[in-house]
């Protein structure tokens, strides 16, 4: 698996830990890669993910990873979690104005107080540790909602 691209393009000075790159693979299609050998087809066709979807996946991926340890303390080490991100770009402004995140957690059997604590733990963990959201939020409103929790428990 490549740690950096091996081809005729000269490596930029800034290549280092955390660097990613994308190679054009066709008309408006790319293959995104990281230094661990992961490849992601980028585009709007079958089997490809578009840049807006990548943005939303980055947000919910970061939210899930940021909250994982704290939620495991409340819900058990092997708890299930599914995160969703919703939003479409505003064509007139050519940007996302808001992205709504939702998280599904095993809340069955928890008291209202325990659910409120889980919601608070999730929100605080994401706010403190999600670098992606902290980078995006100044320009895009990102909201969170724990599905199954009461609306008044949501931050």
C-alpha atoms as a PDB file:
ATOM      1  CA  UNK A   1       0.000   0.000   0.000  1.00  0.00           C
ATOM      2  CA  UNK A   2       1.397   3.378  -0.954  1.00  0.00           C
ATOM      3  CA  UNK A   3       2.422   5.855   1.693  1.00  0.00           C
ATOM      4  CA  UNK A   4       2.778   8.583  -0.935  1.00  0.00           C
ATOM      5  CA  UNK A   5       1.893   8.650  -4.637  1.00  0.00           C
ATOM      6  CA  UNK A   6       4.484   7.001  -6.862  1.00  0.00           C
ATOM      7  CA  UNK A   7       4.300   8.762 -10.217  1.00  0.00           C
ATOM      8  CA  UNK A   8       5.637  11.652 -12.255  1.00  0.00           C
ATOM      9  CA  UNK A   9       4.235  14.486 -10.104  1.00  0.00           C
ATOM     10  CA  UNK A  10       6.713  15.987  -7.662  1.00  0.00           C
ATOM     11  CA  UNK A  11       5.638  15.705  -4.026  1.00  0.00           C
ATOM     12  CA  UNK A  12       4.587  19.035  -2.495  1.00  0.00           C
ATOM     13  CA  UNK A  13       6.721  20.366   0.358  1.00  0.00           C
ATOM     14  CA  UNK A  14       3.870  19.990   2.821  1.00  0.00           C
ATOM     15  CA  UNK A  15       3.374  16.226   2.405  1.00  0.00           C
ATOM     16  CA  UNK A  16       3.422  14.639   5.815  1.00  0.00           C
ATOM     17  CA  UNK A  17       1.232  12.930   8.398  1.00  0.00           C
ATOM     18  CA  UNK A  18      -2.398  13.585   7.587  1.00  0.00           C
ATOM     19  CA  UNK A  19      -1.817  14.385   3.940  1.00  0.00           C
ATOM     20  CA  UNK A  20      -4.310  12.993   1.426  1.00  0.00           C
ATOM     21  CA  UNK A  21      -4.445  13.264  -2.340  1.00  0.00           C
ATOM     22  CA  UNK A  22      -6.830  12.670  -5.215  1.00  0.00           C
ATOM     23  CA  UNK A  23      -5.938  11.515  -8.706  1.00  0.00           C
ATOM     24  CA  UNK A  24      -8.163  12.270 -11.676  1.00  0.00           C
ATOM     25  CA  UNK A  25      -9.595   9.031 -13.021  1.00  0.00           C
ATOM     26  CA  UNK A  26     -11.971  10.406 -15.658  1.00  0.00           C
ATOM     27  CA  UNK A  27     -14.357  13.231 -16.479  1.00  0.00           C
ATOM     28  CA  UNK A  28     -15.269  14.828 -13.099  1.00  0.00           C
ATOM     29  CA  UNK A  29     -14.117  11.718 -11.260  1.00  0.00           C
ATOM     30  CA  UNK A  30     -11.218  11.218  -8.895  1.00  0.00           C
ATOM     31  CA  UNK A  31      -9.802   8.594  -6.595  1.00  0.00           C
ATOM     32  CA  UNK A  32      -9.054   9.968  -3.144  1.00  0.00           C
ATOM     33  CA  UNK A  33      -6.251   8.267  -1.247  1.00  0.00           C
ATOM     34  CA  UNK A  34      -4.553   8.404   2.111  1.00  0.00           C
ATOM     35  CA  UNK A  35      -1.156   7.242   3.276  1.00  0.00           C
ATOM     36  CA  UNK A  36      -2.610   4.014   4.722  1.00  0.00           C
ATOM     37  CA  UNK A  37      -3.678   2.801   1.282  1.00  0.00           C
ATOM     38  CA  UNK A  38      -7.394   3.613   1.461  1.00  0.00           C
ATOM     39  CA  UNK A  39      -8.955   4.549  -1.868  1.00  0.00           C
ATOM     40  CA  UNK A  40     -12.304   6.325  -2.258  1.00  0.00           C
ATOM     41  CA  UNK A  41     -13.877   6.867  -5.691  1.00  0.00           C
ATOM     42  CA  UNK A  42     -15.101  10.478  -5.856  1.00  0.00           C
ATOM     43  CA  UNK A  43     -17.746  11.608  -8.326  1.00  0.00           C
ATOM     44  CA  UNK A  44     -21.469  11.479  -8.976  1.00  0.00           C
ATOM     45  CA  UNK A  45     -21.738   8.034 -10.580  1.00  0.00           C
ATOM     46  CA  UNK A  46     -22.549   4.573  -9.275  1.00  0.00           C
ATOM     47  CA  UNK A  47     -20.000   3.396  -6.724  1.00  0.00           C
ATOM     48  CA  UNK A  48     -18.681   6.932  -6.201  1.00  0.00           C
ATOM     49  CA  UNK A  49     -19.134   9.352  -3.337  1.00  0.00           C
ATOM     50  CA  UNK A  50     -19.474  13.059  -4.032  1.00  0.00           C
ATOM     51  CA  UNK A  51     -17.613  15.808  -2.152  1.00  0.00           C
ATOM     52  CA  UNK A  52     -20.707  16.902  -0.208  1.00  0.00           C
ATOM     53  CA  UNK A  53     -21.238  13.350   0.987  1.00  0.00           C
ATOM     54  CA  UNK A  54     -17.582  13.183   2.003  1.00  0.00           C
ATOM     55  CA  UNK A  55     -18.046  16.368   4.043  1.00  0.00           C
ATOM     56  CA  UNK A  56     -21.067  14.889   5.825  1.00  0.00           C
ATOM     57  CA  UNK A  57     -19.268  11.583   6.418  1.00  0.00           C
ATOM     58  CA  UNK A  58     -16.276  13.467   7.840  1.00  0.00           C
ATOM     59  CA  UNK A  59     -18.583  15.272  10.266  1.00  0.00           C
ATOM     60  CA  UNK A  60     -20.439  12.203  11.508  1.00  0.00           C
ATOM     61  CA  UNK A  61     -17.300  10.074  11.491  1.00  0.00           C
ATOM     62  CA  UNK A  62     -15.615  12.623  13.716  1.00  0.00           C
ATOM     63  CA  UNK A  63     -18.686  12.902  15.966  1.00  0.00           C
ATOM     64  CA  UNK A  64     -18.828   9.133  16.384  1.00  0.00           C
ATOM     65  CA  UNK A  65     -15.127   8.753  17.095  1.00  0.00           C
ATOM     66  CA  UNK A  66     -15.110  11.746  19.454  1.00  0.00           C
ATOM     67  CA  UNK A  67     -18.000  10.418  21.539  1.00  0.00           C
ATOM     68  CA  UNK A  68     -17.139   6.705  21.456  1.00  0.00           C
ATOM     69  CA  UNK A  69     -15.169   6.355  24.695  1.00  0.00           C
ATOM     70  CA  UNK A  70     -17.575   8.449  26.758  1.00  0.00           C
ATOM     71  CA  UNK A  71     -20.648   6.714  25.354  1.00  0.00           C
ATOM     72  CA  UNK A  72     -19.077   3.281  25.965  1.00  0.00           C
ATOM     73  CA  UNK A  73     -18.825   4.177  29.655  1.00  0.00           C
ATOM     74  CA  UNK A  74     -22.590   4.821  29.736  1.00  0.00           C
ATOM     75  CA  UNK A  75     -23.880   2.217  27.273  1.00  0.00           C
ATOM     76  CA  UNK A  76     -21.341  -0.605  27.502  1.00  0.00           C
ATOM     77  CA  UNK A  77     -18.206  -1.355  25.511  1.00  0.00           C
ATOM     78  CA  UNK A  78     -20.024  -3.057  22.625  1.00  0.00           C
ATOM     79  CA  UNK A  79     -22.862  -0.541  22.194  1.00  0.00           C
ATOM     80  CA  UNK A  80     -24.362  -0.024  18.745  1.00  0.00           C
ATOM     81  CA  UNK A  81     -24.418   3.391  17.130  1.00  0.00           C
ATOM     82  CA  UNK A  82     -25.487   4.695  13.748  1.00  0.00           C
ATOM     83  CA  UNK A  83     -24.923   8.295  12.710  1.00  0.00           C
ATOM     84  CA  UNK A  84     -26.711  10.127   9.917  1.00  0.00           C
ATOM     85  CA  UNK A  85     -25.997  13.467   8.257  1.00  0.00           C
ATOM     86  CA  UNK A  86     -28.597  15.295   6.191  1.00  0.00           C
ATOM     87  CA  UNK A  87     -28.349  18.407   4.082  1.00  0.00           C
ATOM     88  CA  UNK A  88     -28.132  19.638   0.542  1.00  0.00           C
ATOM     89  CA  UNK A  89     -26.168  22.526  -0.810  1.00  0.00           C
ATOM     90  CA  UNK A  90     -27.813  25.865  -1.465  1.00  0.00           C
ATOM     91  CA  UNK A  91     -27.406  26.331  -5.219  1.00  0.00           C
ATOM     92  CA  UNK A  92     -27.684  30.126  -5.083  1.00  0.00           C
ATOM     93  CA  UNK A  93     -24.837  30.383  -2.537  1.00  0.00           C
ATOM     94  CA  UNK A  94     -22.981  27.298  -3.781  1.00  0.00           C
ATOM     95  CA  UNK A  95     -22.415  26.022  -0.239  1.00  0.00           C
ATOM     96  CA  UNK A  96     -24.009  24.070   2.585  1.00  0.00           C
ATOM     97  CA  UNK A  97     -25.932  26.366   4.913  1.00  0.00           C
ATOM     98  CA  UNK A  98     -26.700  23.629   7.425  1.00  0.00           C
ATOM     99  CA  UNK A  99     -26.075  19.967   8.039  1.00  0.00           C
ATOM    100  CA  UNK A 100     -28.269  18.050  10.453  1.00  0.00           C
ATOM    101  CA  UNK A 101     -26.690  15.130  12.270  1.00  0.00           C
ATOM    102  CA  UNK A 102     -28.677  12.392  13.959  1.00  0.00           C
ATOM    103  CA  UNK A 103     -27.374   9.557  16.100  1.00  0.00           C
ATOM    104  CA  UNK A 104     -29.162   6.328  16.872  1.00  0.00           C
ATOM    105  CA  UNK A 105     -28.193   4.682  20.155  1.00  0.00           C
ATOM    106  CA  UNK A 106     -29.601   1.810  22.230  1.00  0.00           C
ATOM    107  CA  UNK A 107     -31.691   3.859  24.663  1.00  0.00           C
ATOM    108  CA  UNK A 108     -34.206   1.121  25.507  1.00  0.00           C
ATOM    109  CA  UNK A 109     -34.334   0.441  29.219  1.00  0.00           C
ATOM    110  CA  UNK A 110     -32.731   3.756  30.207  1.00  0.00           C
ATOM    111  CA  UNK A 111     -34.541   6.218  32.427  1.00  0.00           C
ATOM    112  CA  UNK A 112     -35.305   9.733  31.188  1.00  0.00           C
ATOM    113  CA  UNK A 113     -32.445  10.996  33.380  1.00  0.00           C
ATOM    114  CA  UNK A 114     -30.018   8.451  31.936  1.00  0.00           C
ATOM    115  CA  UNK A 115     -31.062   9.399  28.400  1.00  0.00           C
ATOM    116  CA  UNK A 116     -30.568  13.086  29.219  1.00  0.00           C
ATOM    117  CA  UNK A 117     -27.074  12.229  30.491  1.00  0.00           C
ATOM    118  CA  UNK A 118     -26.261  10.302  27.294  1.00  0.00           C
ATOM    119  CA  UNK A 119     -27.412  13.272  25.195  1.00  0.00           C
ATOM    120  CA  UNK A 120     -25.269  15.643  27.265  1.00  0.00           C
ATOM    121  CA  UNK A 121     -22.235  13.336  27.134  1.00  0.00           C
ATOM    122  CA  UNK A 122     -22.547  12.997  23.365  1.00  0.00           C
ATOM    123  CA  UNK A 123     -22.850  16.751  22.810  1.00  0.00           C
ATOM    124  CA  UNK A 124     -19.987  17.646  25.118  1.00  0.00           C
ATOM    125  CA  UNK A 125     -17.672  15.009  23.656  1.00  0.00           C
ATOM    126  CA  UNK A 126     -18.305  16.193  20.105  1.00  0.00           C
ATOM    127  CA  UNK A 127     -17.924  19.868  21.039  1.00  0.00           C
ATOM    128  CA  UNK A 128     -14.633  19.190  22.832  1.00  0.00           C
ATOM    129  CA  UNK A 129     -12.987  16.680  20.533  1.00  0.00           C
ATOM    130  CA  UNK A 130     -14.395  16.827  16.996  1.00  0.00           C
ATOM    131  CA  UNK A 131     -11.768  18.747  15.054  1.00  0.00           C
ATOM    132  CA  UNK A 132     -13.729  18.452  11.815  1.00  0.00           C
ATOM    133  CA  UNK A 133     -16.834  20.091  13.276  1.00  0.00           C
ATOM    134  CA  UNK A 134     -14.786  22.769  15.024  1.00  0.00           C
ATOM    135  CA  UNK A 135     -13.241  23.575  11.641  1.00  0.00           C
ATOM    136  CA  UNK A 136     -16.524  23.614   9.703  1.00  0.00           C
ATOM    137  CA  UNK A 137     -18.953  25.203  12.167  1.00  0.00           C
ATOM    138  CA  UNK A 138     -17.817  28.811  11.776  1.00  0.00           C
ATOM    139  CA  UNK A 139     -19.181  28.680   8.212  1.00  0.00           C
ATOM    140  CA  UNK A 140     -21.883  26.000   8.362  1.00  0.00           C
ATOM    141  CA  UNK A 141     -24.473  25.403  11.053  1.00  0.00           C
ATOM    142  CA  UNK A 142     -24.172  21.797  12.220  1.00  0.00           C
ATOM    143  CA  UNK A 143     -26.862  20.448  14.531  1.00  0.00           C
ATOM    144  CA  UNK A 144     -27.009  17.186  16.495  1.00  0.00           C
ATOM    145  CA  UNK A 145     -29.967  15.137  17.627  1.00  0.00           C
ATOM    146  CA  UNK A 146     -30.002  11.859  19.509  1.00  0.00           C
ATOM    147  CA  UNK A 147     -32.897   9.920  18.019  1.00  0.00           C
ATOM    148  CA  UNK A 148     -35.232   8.581  20.661  1.00  0.00           C
ATOM    149  CA  UNK A 149     -34.439  11.297  23.201  1.00  0.00           C
ATOM    150  CA  UNK A 150     -37.004  13.951  24.059  1.00  0.00           C
ATOM    151  CA  UNK A 151     -36.684  17.263  22.203  1.00  0.00           C
ATOM    152  CA  UNK A 152     -36.159  19.237  25.429  1.00  0.00           C
ATOM    153  CA  UNK A 153     -33.144  17.023  26.243  1.00  0.00           C
ATOM    154  CA  UNK A 154     -31.423  18.073  23.026  1.00  0.00           C
ATOM    155  CA  UNK A 155     -28.839  20.840  23.246  1.00  0.00           C
END
